[in-house]
Amino acid sequence: QVQLVESGGGLVQPGGSLRLSCAASGSIFSINVMGWYRRAPGKERELVASITRGGATSYADSVKGRFTISRDNTKNTLYLQMNILKPEDTAVYYCNAQFVIWGQGTQVTVSS
């Protein structure tokens, strides 16, 4: 099975932007659903956004209009463009494939 490696996290001020990437070790063409999850300190892991092989997307209410998920099957990479970041977006962000394959996570910290 493929392995997933996230990158792009970091420290950003409120209102700023980050773009997360999730590189797969193999083809993601046949993977129906891929998604981004996050776990904030002291909270349960939650689904942030998901995308199907056909390009249908779904977002948590808390990020709608600010985050955009996309996938490039030719590069075997999943993306999460995060704009207008808020302190409550601070979390470890995880990439997921077909609900069973997880990356190691990347830290996003939104603070002034």
PDB file of N, CA and C in Angstrom:
ATOM      1  N   GLN A   1       0.831  -1.176   0.000  1.00  0.00           N
ATOM      2  CA  GLN A   1       0.000   0.000   0.000  1.00  0.00           C
ATOM      3  C   GLN A   1       0.878   1.243   0.000  1.00  0.00           C
ATOM      4  N   VAL A   2       0.292   2.365  -0.413  1.00  0.00           N
ATOM      5  CA  VAL A   2       1.066   3.596  -0.473  1.00  0.00           C
ATOM      6  C   VAL A   2       1.366   4.121   0.919  1.00  0.00           C
ATOM      7  N   GLN A   3       2.439   4.885   0.992  1.00  0.00           N
ATOM      8  CA  GLN A   3       2.770   5.634   2.203  1.00  0.00           C
ATOM      9  C   GLN A   3       2.576   7.109   1.907  1.00  0.00           C
ATOM     10  N   LEU A   4       2.209   7.860   2.943  1.00  0.00           N
ATOM     11  CA  LEU A   4       1.892   9.273   2.784  1.00  0.00           C
ATOM     12  C   LEU A   4       2.834  10.121   3.627  1.00  0.00           C
ATOM     13  N   VAL A   5       3.325  11.204   3.055  1.00  0.00           N
ATOM     14  CA  VAL A   5       4.220  12.111   3.767  1.00  0.00           C
ATOM     15  C   VAL A   5       3.723  13.538   3.590  1.00  0.00           C
ATOM     16  N   GLU A   6       3.362  14.177   4.714  1.00  0.00           N
ATOM     17  CA  GLU A   6       2.885  15.552   4.682  1.00  0.00           C
ATOM     18  C   GLU A   6       4.046  16.531   4.786  1.00  0.00           C
ATOM     19  N   SER A   7       3.840  17.714   4.243  1.00  0.00           N
ATOM     20  CA  SER A   7       4.791  18.809   4.379  1.00  0.00           C
ATOM     21  C   SER A   7       4.043  20.123   4.237  1.00  0.00           C
ATOM     22  N   GLY A   8       4.729  21.211   4.605  1.00  0.00           N
ATOM     23  CA  GLY A   8       4.151  22.534   4.414  1.00  0.00           C
ATOM     24  C   GLY A   8       3.637  23.203   5.669  1.00  0.00           C
ATOM     25  N   GLY A   9       3.673  22.495   6.787  1.00  0.00           N
ATOM     26  CA  GLY A   9       3.221  23.109   8.026  1.00  0.00           C
ATOM     27  C   GLY A   9       4.215  24.141   8.528  1.00  0.00           C
ATOM     28  N   GLY A  10       3.811  24.858   9.569  1.00  0.00           N
ATOM     29  CA  GLY A  10       4.701  25.863  10.142  1.00  0.00           C
ATOM     30  C   GLY A  10       3.960  26.834  11.010  1.00  0.00           C
ATOM     31  N   LEU A  11       4.637  27.926  11.329  1.00  0.00           N
ATOM     32  CA  LEU A  11       4.070  28.995  12.146  1.00  0.00           C
ATOM     33  C   LEU A  11       3.639  30.136  11.233  1.00  0.00           C
ATOM     34  N   VAL A  12       2.415  30.586  11.410  1.00  0.00           N
ATOM     35  CA  VAL A  12       1.888  31.670  10.584  1.00  0.00           C
ATOM     36  C   VAL A  12       1.040  32.586  11.453  1.00  0.00           C
ATOM     37  N   GLN A  13       1.012  33.858  11.091  1.00  0.00           N
ATOM     38  CA  GLN A  13       0.195  34.810  11.845  1.00  0.00           C
ATOM     39  C   GLN A  13      -1.276  34.675  11.468  1.00  0.00           C
ATOM     40  N   PRO A  14      -2.166  35.061  12.364  1.00  0.00           N
ATOM     41  CA  PRO A  14      -3.603  35.065  12.017  1.00  0.00           C
ATOM     42  C   PRO A  14      -3.848  35.868  10.748  1.00  0.00           C
ATOM     43  N   GLY A  15      -4.695  35.316   9.896  1.00  0.00           N
ATOM     44  CA  GLY A  15      -4.973  35.952   8.617  1.00  0.00           C
ATOM     45  C   GLY A  15      -4.062  35.493   7.496  1.00  0.00           C
ATOM     46  N   GLY A  16      -3.028  34.752   7.842  1.00  0.00           N
ATOM     47  CA  GLY A  16      -2.079  34.290   6.851  1.00  0.00           C
ATOM     48  C   GLY A  16      -2.529  33.018   6.140  1.00  0.00           C
ATOM     49  N   SER A  17      -1.640  32.516   5.285  1.00  0.00           N
ATOM     50  CA  SER A  17      -1.948  31.331   4.478  1.00  0.00           C
ATOM     51  C   SER A  17      -0.826  30.307   4.553  1.00  0.00           C
ATOM     52  N   LEU A  18      -1.207  29.068   4.374  1.00  0.00           N
ATOM     53  CA  LEU A  18      -0.258  27.966   4.229  1.00  0.00           C
ATOM     54  C   LEU A  18      -0.815  26.985   3.208  1.00  0.00           C
ATOM     55  N   ARG A  19       0.084  26.262   2.563  1.00  0.00           N
ATOM     56  CA  ARG A  19      -0.332  25.197   1.660  1.00  0.00           C
ATOM     57  C   ARG A  19       0.328  23.902   2.104  1.00  0.00           C
ATOM     58  N   LEU A  20      -0.509  22.950   2.489  1.00  0.00           N
ATOM     59  CA  LEU A  20      -0.014  21.639   2.874  1.00  0.00           C
ATOM     60  C   LEU A  20       0.023  20.721   1.659  1.00  0.00           C
ATOM     61  N   SER A  21       1.012  19.859   1.634  1.00  0.00           N
ATOM     62  CA  SER A  21       1.123  18.852   0.588  1.00  0.00           C
ATOM     63  C   SER A  21       1.221  17.476   1.221  1.00  0.00           C
ATOM     64  N   CYS A  22       0.715  16.489   0.520  1.00  0.00           N
ATOM     65  CA  CYS A  22       0.792  15.101   0.971  1.00  0.00           C
ATOM     66  C   CYS A  22       1.248  14.274  -0.224  1.00  0.00           C
ATOM     67  N   ALA A  23       2.493  13.831  -0.160  1.00  0.00           N
ATOM     68  CA  ALA A  23       3.066  13.059  -1.253  1.00  0.00           C
ATOM     69  C   ALA A  23       2.895  11.574  -0.986  1.00  0.00           C
ATOM     70  N   ALA A  24       2.355  10.873  -1.966  1.00  0.00           N
ATOM     71  CA  ALA A  24       2.169   9.423  -1.853  1.00  0.00           C
ATOM     72  C   ALA A  24       3.330   8.694  -2.521  1.00  0.00           C
ATOM     73  N   SER A  25       3.667   7.527  -1.953  1.00  0.00           N
ATOM     74  CA  SER A  25       4.788   6.754  -2.481  1.00  0.00           C
ATOM     75  C   SER A  25       4.424   5.992  -3.749  1.00  0.00           C
ATOM     76  N   GLY A  26       3.127   5.943  -4.034  1.00  0.00           N
ATOM     77  CA  GLY A  26       2.673   5.262  -5.231  1.00  0.00           C
ATOM     78  C   GLY A  26       1.494   5.987  -5.840  1.00  0.00           C
ATOM     79  N   SER A  27       0.887   5.384  -6.808  1.00  0.00           N
ATOM     80  CA  SER A  27      -0.222   6.022  -7.514  1.00  0.00           C
ATOM     81  C   SER A  27      -1.439   6.204  -6.616  1.00  0.00           C
ATOM     82  N   ILE A  28      -2.046   7.384  -6.719  1.00  0.00           N
ATOM     83  CA  ILE A  28      -3.282   7.639  -5.987  1.00  0.00           C
ATOM     84  C   ILE A  28      -4.481   7.627  -6.922  1.00  0.00           C
ATOM     85  N   PHE A  29      -4.238   7.311  -8.183  1.00  0.00           N
ATOM     86  CA  PHE A  29      -5.308   7.383  -9.175  1.00  0.00           C
ATOM     87  C   PHE A  29      -6.515   6.550  -8.773  1.00  0.00           C
ATOM     88  N   SER A  30      -6.260   5.368  -8.235  1.00  0.00           N
ATOM     89  CA  SER A  30      -7.359   4.454  -7.920  1.00  0.00           C
ATOM     90  C   SER A  30      -7.932   4.648  -6.519  1.00  0.00           C
ATOM     91  N   ILE A  31      -7.369   5.573  -5.756  1.00  0.00           N
ATOM     92  CA  ILE A  31      -7.864   5.816  -4.395  1.00  0.00           C
ATOM     93  C   ILE A  31      -9.093   6.709  -4.485  1.00  0.00           C
ATOM     94  N   ASN A  32     -10.221   6.196  -4.039  1.00  0.00           N
ATOM     95  CA  ASN A  32     -11.475   6.916  -4.218  1.00  0.00           C
ATOM     96  C   ASN A  32     -11.547   8.176  -3.365  1.00  0.00           C
ATOM     97  N   VAL A  33     -11.255   8.045  -2.082  1.00  0.00           N
ATOM     98  CA  VAL A  33     -11.389   9.194  -1.191  1.00  0.00           C
ATOM     99  C   VAL A  33     -10.075   9.486  -0.492  1.00  0.00           C
ATOM    100  N   MET A  34      -9.674  10.738  -0.542  1.00  0.00           N
ATOM    101  CA  MET A  34      -8.524  11.214   0.231  1.00  0.00           C
ATOM    102  C   MET A  34      -8.976  12.417   1.046  1.00  0.00           C
ATOM    103  N   GLY A  35      -8.316  12.598   2.183  1.00  0.00           N
ATOM    104  CA  GLY A  35      -8.760  13.694   3.035  1.00  0.00           C
ATOM    105  C   GLY A  35      -7.671  14.237   3.927  1.00  0.00           C
ATOM    106  N   TRP A  36      -7.990  15.375   4.511  1.00  0.00           N
ATOM    107  CA  TRP A  36      -7.151  15.996   5.535  1.00  0.00           C
ATOM    108  C   TRP A  36      -7.920  15.997   6.846  1.00  0.00           C
ATOM    109  N   TYR A  37      -7.259  15.569   7.895  1.00  0.00           N
ATOM    110  CA  TYR A  37      -7.791  15.592   9.246  1.00  0.00           C
ATOM    111  C   TYR A  37      -6.869  16.451  10.105  1.00  0.00           C
ATOM    112  N   ARG A  38      -7.368  16.844  11.251  1.00  0.00           N
ATOM    113  CA  ARG A  38      -6.515  17.568  12.191  1.00  0.00           C
ATOM    114  C   ARG A  38      -6.871  17.194  13.620  1.00  0.00           C
ATOM    115  N   ARG A  39      -5.869  17.324  14.467  1.00  0.00           N
ATOM    116  CA  ARG A  39      -6.072  17.102  15.901  1.00  0.00           C
ATOM    117  C   ARG A  39      -5.455  18.270  16.646  1.00  0.00           C
ATOM    118  N   ALA A  40      -6.306  19.023  17.290  1.00  0.00           N
ATOM    119  CA  ALA A  40      -5.854  20.149  18.106  1.00  0.00           C
ATOM    120  C   ALA A  40      -5.559  19.653  19.520  1.00  0.00           C
ATOM    121  N   PRO A  41      -4.723  20.368  20.263  1.00  0.00           N
ATOM    122  CA  PRO A  41      -4.399  19.941  21.630  1.00  0.00           C
ATOM    123  C   PRO A  41      -5.658  19.755  22.473  1.00  0.00           C
ATOM    124  N   GLY A  42      -5.777  18.593  23.090  1.00  0.00           N
ATOM    125  CA  GLY A  42      -6.900  18.329  23.966  1.00  0.00           C
ATOM    126  C   GLY A  42      -8.210  18.022  23.266  1.00  0.00           C
ATOM    127  N   LYS A  43      -8.170  17.878  21.949  1.00  0.00           N
ATOM    128  CA  LYS A  43      -9.404  17.628  21.200  1.00  0.00           C
ATOM    129  C   LYS A  43      -9.302  16.334  20.394  1.00  0.00           C
ATOM    130  N   GLU A  44     -10.449  15.843  19.955  1.00  0.00           N
ATOM    131  CA  GLU A  44     -10.485  14.664  19.110  1.00  0.00           C
ATOM    132  C   GLU A  44     -10.060  15.033  17.685  1.00  0.00           C
ATOM    133  N   ARG A  45      -9.573  14.026  16.978  1.00  0.00           N
ATOM    134  CA  ARG A  45      -9.258  14.251  15.571  1.00  0.00           C
ATOM    135  C   ARG A  45     -10.537  14.521  14.795  1.00  0.00           C
ATOM    136  N   GLU A  46     -10.477  15.474  13.878  1.00  0.00           N
ATOM    137  CA  GLU A  46     -11.661  15.815  13.093  1.00  0.00           C
ATOM    138  C   GLU A  46     -11.320  15.884  11.614  1.00  0.00           C
ATOM    139  N   LEU A  47     -12.330  15.595  10.803  1.00  0.00           N
ATOM    140  CA  LEU A  47     -12.173  15.700   9.356  1.00  0.00           C
ATOM    141  C   LEU A  47     -12.227  17.164   8.949  1.00  0.00           C
ATOM    142  N   VAL A  48     -11.247  17.604   8.196  1.00  0.00           N
ATOM    143  CA  VAL A  48     -11.196  18.980   7.720  1.00  0.00           C
ATOM    144  C   VAL A  48     -11.790  19.076   6.321  1.00  0.00           C
ATOM    145  N   ALA A  49     -11.342  18.196   5.433  1.00  0.00           N
ATOM    146  CA  ALA A  49     -11.808  18.231   4.047  1.00  0.00           C
ATOM    147  C   ALA A  49     -11.524  16.895   3.392  1.00  0.00           C
ATOM    148  N   SER A  50     -12.338  16.555   2.407  1.00  0.00           N
ATOM    149  CA  SER A  50     -12.115  15.321   1.661  1.00  0.00           C
ATOM    150  C   SER A  50     -12.378  15.565   0.185  1.00  0.00           C
ATOM    151  N   ILE A  51     -11.812  14.684  -0.640  1.00  0.00           N
ATOM    152  CA  ILE A  51     -11.996  14.794  -2.080  1.00  0.00           C
ATOM    153  C   ILE A  51     -12.038  13.400  -2.683  1.00  0.00           C
ATOM    154  N   THR A  52     -12.972  13.188  -3.604  1.00  0.00           N
ATOM    155  CA  THR A  52     -13.084  11.899  -4.257  1.00  0.00           C
ATOM    156  C   THR A  52     -12.215  11.854  -5.514  1.00  0.00           C
ATOM    157  N   ARG A  53     -12.117  10.689  -6.071  1.00  0.00           N
ATOM    158  CA  ARG A  53     -11.350  10.519  -7.302  1.00  0.00           C
ATOM    159  C   ARG A  53     -11.930  11.383  -8.414  1.00  0.00           C
ATOM    160  N   GLY A  54     -13.236  11.581  -8.362  1.00  0.00           N
ATOM    161  CA  GLY A  54     -13.890  12.392  -9.378  1.00  0.00           C
ATOM    162  C   GLY A  54     -13.827  13.880  -9.126  1.00  0.00           C
ATOM    163  N   GLY A  55     -13.272  14.271  -7.979  1.00  0.00           N
ATOM    164  CA  GLY A  55     -13.097  15.683  -7.690  1.00  0.00           C
ATOM    165  C   GLY A  55     -14.166  16.303  -6.807  1.00  0.00           C
ATOM    166  N   ALA A  56     -15.106  15.503  -6.325  1.00  0.00           N
ATOM    167  CA  ALA A  56     -16.114  16.041  -5.412  1.00  0.00           C
ATOM    168  C   ALA A  56     -15.471  16.330  -4.060  1.00  0.00           C
ATOM    169  N   THR A  57     -15.789  17.487  -3.501  1.00  0.00           N
ATOM    170  CA  THR A  57     -15.159  17.900  -2.254  1.00  0.00           C
ATOM    171  C   THR A  57     -16.182  18.099  -1.147  1.00  0.00           C
ATOM    172  N   SER A  58     -15.689  17.997   0.079  1.00  0.00           N
ATOM    173  CA  SER A  58     -16.516  18.220   1.254  1.00  0.00           C
ATOM    174  C   SER A  58     -15.647  18.872   2.316  1.00  0.00           C
ATOM    175  N   TYR A  59     -16.243  19.820   3.067  1.00  0.00           N
ATOM    176  CA  TYR A  59     -15.487  20.572   4.061  1.00  0.00           C
ATOM    177  C   TYR A  59     -16.211  20.621   5.398  1.00  0.00           C
ATOM    178  N   ALA A  60     -15.431  20.687   6.459  1.00  0.00           N
ATOM    179  CA  ALA A  60     -16.000  20.977   7.764  1.00  0.00           C
ATOM    180  C   ALA A  60     -16.528  22.407   7.738  1.00  0.00           C
ATOM    181  N   ASP A  61     -17.609  22.649   8.457  1.00  0.00           N
ATOM    182  CA  ASP A  61     -18.206  23.992   8.469  1.00  0.00           C
ATOM    183  C   ASP A  61     -17.197  25.052   8.909  1.00  0.00           C
ATOM    184  N   SER A  62     -16.309  24.677   9.803  1.00  0.00           N
ATOM    185  CA  SER A  62     -15.372  25.649  10.373  1.00  0.00           C
ATOM    186  C   SER A  62     -14.337  26.151   9.365  1.00  0.00           C
ATOM    187  N   VAL A  63     -14.173  25.443   8.241  1.00  0.00           N
ATOM    188  CA  VAL A  63     -13.151  25.852   7.271  1.00  0.00           C
ATOM    189  C   VAL A  63     -13.735  26.221   5.913  1.00  0.00           C
ATOM    190  N   LYS A  64     -15.029  26.079   5.746  1.00  0.00           N
ATOM    191  CA  LYS A  64     -15.655  26.401   4.463  1.00  0.00           C
ATOM    192  C   LYS A  64     -15.384  27.849   4.071  1.00  0.00           C
ATOM    193  N   GLY A  65     -15.001  28.030   2.809  1.00  0.00           N
ATOM    194  CA  GLY A  65     -14.709  29.365   2.314  1.00  0.00           C
ATOM    195  C   GLY A  65     -13.287  29.824   2.586  1.00  0.00           C
ATOM    196  N   ARG A  66     -12.559  29.076   3.397  1.00  0.00           N
ATOM    197  CA  ARG A  66     -11.168  29.452   3.726  1.00  0.00           C
ATOM    198  C   ARG A  66     -10.160  28.411   3.235  1.00  0.00           C
ATOM    199  N   PHE A  67     -10.545  27.148   3.266  1.00  0.00           N
ATOM    200  CA  PHE A  67      -9.647  26.057   2.871  1.00  0.00           C
ATOM    201  C   PHE A  67     -10.110  25.466   1.545  1.00  0.00           C
ATOM    202  N   THR A  68      -9.142  24.993   0.763  1.00  0.00           N
ATOM    203  CA  THR A  68      -9.450  24.321  -0.497  1.00  0.00           C
ATOM    204  C   THR A  68      -8.603  23.056  -0.608  1.00  0.00           C
ATOM    205  N   ILE A  69      -9.274  21.926  -0.806  1.00  0.00           N
ATOM    206  CA  ILE A  69      -8.579  20.657  -0.997  1.00  0.00           C
ATOM    207  C   ILE A  69      -8.501  20.361  -2.493  1.00  0.00           C
ATOM    208  N   SER A  70      -7.383  19.781  -2.898  1.00  0.00           N
ATOM    209  CA  SER A  70      -7.233  19.394  -4.298  1.00  0.00           C
ATOM    210  C   SER A  70      -6.282  18.202  -4.370  1.00  0.00           C
ATOM    211  N   ARG A  71      -6.311  17.533  -5.500  1.00  0.00           N
ATOM    212  CA  ARG A  71      -5.416  16.397  -5.698  1.00  0.00           C
ATOM    213  C   ARG A  71      -4.878  16.429  -7.120  1.00  0.00           C
ATOM    214  N   ASP A  72      -3.632  16.017  -7.282  1.00  0.00           N
ATOM    215  CA  ASP A  72      -3.009  15.918  -8.588  1.00  0.00           C
ATOM    216  C   ASP A  72      -2.599  14.464  -8.765  1.00  0.00           C
ATOM    217  N   ASN A  73      -3.406  13.725  -9.502  1.00  0.00           N
ATOM    218  CA  ASN A  73      -3.142  12.296  -9.668  1.00  0.00           C
ATOM    219  C   ASN A  73      -1.876  12.046 -10.487  1.00  0.00           C
ATOM    220  N   THR A  74      -1.458  13.012 -11.296  1.00  0.00           N
ATOM    221  CA  THR A  74      -0.236  12.825 -12.085  1.00  0.00           C
ATOM    222  C   THR A  74       1.012  12.963 -11.217  1.00  0.00           C
ATOM    223  N   LYS A  75       0.884  13.713 -10.130  1.00  0.00           N
ATOM    224  CA  LYS A  75       2.006  13.896  -9.200  1.00  0.00           C
ATOM    225  C   LYS A  75       1.828  13.080  -7.925  1.00  0.00           C
ATOM    226  N   ASN A  76       0.720  12.338  -7.846  1.00  0.00           N
ATOM    227  CA  ASN A  76       0.430  11.520  -6.652  1.00  0.00           C
ATOM    228  C   ASN A  76       0.479  12.359  -5.379  1.00  0.00           C
ATOM    229  N   THR A  77      -0.149  13.519  -5.431  1.00  0.00           N
ATOM    230  CA  THR A  77      -0.071  14.469  -4.322  1.00  0.00           C
ATOM    231  C   THR A  77      -1.437  15.050  -4.009  1.00  0.00           C
ATOM    232  N   LEU A  78      -1.696  15.166  -2.716  1.00  0.00           N
ATOM    233  CA  LEU A  78      -2.902  15.811  -2.191  1.00  0.00           C
ATOM    234  C   LEU A  78      -2.492  17.143  -1.588  1.00  0.00           C
ATOM    235  N   TYR A  79      -3.339  18.157  -1.750  1.00  0.00           N
ATOM    236  CA  TYR A  79      -3.028  19.495  -1.242  1.00  0.00           C
ATOM    237  C   TYR A  79      -4.142  20.018  -0.352  1.00  0.00           C
ATOM    238  N   LEU A  80      -3.764  20.959   0.515  1.00  0.00           N
ATOM    239  CA  LEU A  80      -4.740  21.709   1.282  1.00  0.00           C
ATOM    240  C   LEU A  80      -4.260  23.157   1.332  1.00  0.00           C
ATOM    241  N   GLN A  81      -4.947  24.017   0.593  1.00  0.00           N
ATOM    242  CA  GLN A  81      -4.667  25.450   0.640  1.00  0.00           C
ATOM    243  C   GLN A  81      -5.468  26.054   1.768  1.00  0.00           C
ATOM    244  N   MET A  82      -4.793  26.675   2.706  1.00  0.00           N
ATOM    245  CA  MET A  82      -5.441  27.229   3.887  1.00  0.00           C
ATOM    246  C   MET A  82      -5.240  28.739   3.896  1.00  0.00           C
ATOM    247  N   ASN A  83      -6.325  29.476   3.814  1.00  0.00           N
ATOM    248  CA  ASN A  83      -6.289  30.937   3.821  1.00  0.00           C
ATOM    249  C   ASN A  83      -7.029  31.483   5.039  1.00  0.00           C
ATOM    250  N   ILE A  84      -6.786  32.731   5.325  1.00  0.00           N
ATOM    251  CA  ILE A  84      -7.424  33.418   6.456  1.00  0.00           C
ATOM    252  C   ILE A  84      -7.341  32.542   7.706  1.00  0.00           C
ATOM    253  N   LEU A  85      -6.151  32.110   8.022  1.00  0.00           N
ATOM    254  CA  LEU A  85      -5.963  31.201   9.141  1.00  0.00           C
ATOM    255  C   LEU A  85      -6.275  31.884  10.465  1.00  0.00           C
ATOM    256  N   LYS A  86      -6.827  31.081  11.380  1.00  0.00           N
ATOM    257  CA  LYS A  86      -7.222  31.564  12.695  1.00  0.00           C
ATOM    258  C   LYS A  86      -6.461  30.768  13.764  1.00  0.00           C
ATOM    259  N   PRO A  87      -6.322  31.322  14.954  1.00  0.00           N
ATOM    260  CA  PRO A  87      -5.640  30.568  16.023  1.00  0.00           C
ATOM    261  C   PRO A  87      -6.274  29.199  16.274  1.00  0.00           C
ATOM    262  N   GLU A  88      -7.595  29.107  16.097  1.00  0.00           N
ATOM    263  CA  GLU A  88      -8.261  27.824  16.325  1.00  0.00           C
ATOM    264  C   GLU A  88      -7.969  26.791  15.244  1.00  0.00           C
ATOM    265  N   ASP A  89      -7.263  27.171  14.199  1.00  0.00           N
ATOM    266  CA  ASP A  89      -6.810  26.199  13.190  1.00  0.00           C
ATOM    267  C   ASP A  89      -5.522  25.495  13.620  1.00  0.00           C
ATOM    268  N   THR A  90      -4.944  25.946  14.721  1.00  0.00           N
ATOM    269  CA  THR A  90      -3.725  25.311  15.219  1.00  0.00           C
ATOM    270  C   THR A  90      -3.975  23.845  15.542  1.00  0.00           C
ATOM    271  N   ALA A  91      -3.174  22.976  14.939  1.00  0.00           N
ATOM    272  CA  ALA A  91      -3.365  21.530  15.103  1.00  0.00           C
ATOM    273  C   ALA A  91      -2.271  20.797  14.340  1.00  0.00           C
ATOM    274  N   VAL A  92      -2.209  19.497  14.576  1.00  0.00           N
ATOM    275  CA  VAL A  92      -1.428  18.624  13.701  1.00  0.00           C
ATOM    276  C   VAL A  92      -2.361  18.161  12.589  1.00  0.00           C
ATOM    277  N   TYR A  93      -1.933  18.347  11.359  1.00  0.00           N
ATOM    278  CA  TYR A  93      -2.754  17.995  10.203  1.00  0.00           C
ATOM    279  C   TYR A  93      -2.241  16.693   9.593  1.00  0.00           C
ATOM    280  N   TYR A  94      -3.178  15.800   9.341  1.00  0.00           N
ATOM    281  CA  TYR A  94      -2.859  14.485   8.823  1.00  0.00           C
ATOM    282  C   TYR A  94      -3.525  14.257   7.465  1.00  0.00           C
ATOM    283  N   CYS A  95      -2.797  13.620   6.600  1.00  0.00           N
ATOM    284  CA  CYS A  95      -3.310  13.195   5.305  1.00  0.00           C
ATOM    285  C   CYS A  95      -3.839  11.769   5.447  1.00  0.00           C
ATOM    286  N   ASN A  96      -4.915  11.485   4.737  1.00  0.00           N
ATOM    287  CA  ASN A  96      -5.510  10.152   4.805  1.00  0.00           C
ATOM    288  C   ASN A  96      -5.934   9.677   3.430  1.00  0.00           C
ATOM    289  N   ALA A  97      -5.756   8.376   3.220  1.00  0.00           N
ATOM    290  CA  ALA A  97      -6.206   7.766   1.971  1.00  0.00           C
ATOM    291  C   ALA A  97      -7.160   6.614   2.275  1.00  0.00           C
ATOM    292  N   GLN A  98      -8.333   6.699   1.700  1.00  0.00           N
ATOM    293  CA  GLN A  98      -9.335   5.638   1.799  1.00  0.00           C
ATOM    294  C   GLN A  98      -9.619   5.241   3.236  1.00  0.00           C
ATOM    295  N   PHE A  99      -9.486   6.173   4.142  1.00  0.00           N
ATOM    296  CA  PHE A  99      -9.860   6.015   5.552  1.00  0.00           C
ATOM    297  C   PHE A  99      -8.945   5.101   6.345  1.00  0.00           C
ATOM    298  N   VAL A 100      -7.931   4.504   5.722  1.00  0.00           N
ATOM    299  CA  VAL A 100      -7.115   3.538   6.448  1.00  0.00           C
ATOM    300  C   VAL A 100      -5.622   3.849   6.436  1.00  0.00           C
ATOM    301  N   ILE A 101      -5.168   4.668   5.503  1.00  0.00           N
ATOM    302  CA  ILE A 101      -3.742   4.974   5.399  1.00  0.00           C
ATOM    303  C   ILE A 101      -3.513   6.393   5.879  1.00  0.00           C
ATOM    304  N   TRP A 102      -2.570   6.559   6.805  1.00  0.00           N
ATOM    305  CA  TRP A 102      -2.307   7.855   7.424  1.00  0.00           C
ATOM    306  C   TRP A 102      -0.865   8.293   7.225  1.00  0.00           C
ATOM    307  N   GLY A 103      -0.691   9.597   7.106  1.00  0.00           N
ATOM    308  CA  GLY A 103       0.641  10.166   7.145  1.00  0.00           C
ATOM    309  C   GLY A 103       1.052  10.402   8.593  1.00  0.00           C
ATOM    310  N   GLN A 104       2.271  10.954   8.763  1.00  0.00           N
ATOM    311  CA  GLN A 104       2.790  11.155  10.117  1.00  0.00           C
ATOM    312  C   GLN A 104       2.325  12.476  10.722  1.00  0.00           C
ATOM    313  N   GLY A 105       1.793  13.350   9.911  1.00  0.00           N
ATOM    314  CA  GLY A 105       1.281  14.622  10.395  1.00  0.00           C
ATOM    315  C   GLY A 105       2.261  15.765  10.230  1.00  0.00           C
ATOM    316  N   THR A 106       1.720  16.968  10.126  1.00  0.00           N
ATOM    317  CA  THR A 106       2.523  18.183  10.060  1.00  0.00           C
ATOM    318  C   THR A 106       1.871  19.237  10.947  1.00  0.00           C
ATOM    319  N   GLN A 107       2.695  19.913  11.725  1.00  0.00           N
ATOM    320  CA  GLN A 107       2.178  20.877  12.702  1.00  0.00           C
ATOM    321  C   GLN A 107       1.877  22.214  12.023  1.00  0.00           C
ATOM    322  N   VAL A 108       0.697  22.735  12.298  1.00  0.00           N
ATOM    323  CA  VAL A 108       0.312  24.083  11.881  1.00  0.00           C
ATOM    324  C   VAL A 108       0.013  24.892  13.137  1.00  0.00           C
ATOM    325  N   THR A 109       0.713  26.002  13.291  1.00  0.00           N
ATOM    326  CA  THR A 109       0.508  26.878  14.438  1.00  0.00           C
ATOM    327  C   THR A 109       0.168  28.276  13.945  1.00  0.00           C
ATOM    328  N   VAL A 110      -0.985  28.771  14.379  1.00  0.00           N
ATOM    329  CA  VAL A 110      -1.434  30.111  13.991  1.00  0.00           C
ATOM    330  C   VAL A 110      -1.383  30.987  15.226  1.00  0.00           C
ATOM    331  N   SER A 111      -0.444  31.908  15.227  1.00  0.00           N
ATOM    332  CA  SER A 111      -0.231  32.739  16.409  1.00  0.00           C
ATOM    333  C   SER A 111       0.499  34.013  16.026  1.00  0.00           C
ATOM    334  N   SER A 112       0.182  35.074  16.765  1.00  0.00           N
ATOM    335  CA  SER A 112       0.890  36.328  16.549  1.00  0.00           C
ATOM    336  C   SER A 112       2.072  36.446  17.494  1.00  0.00           C
TER     337      SER A 112
END
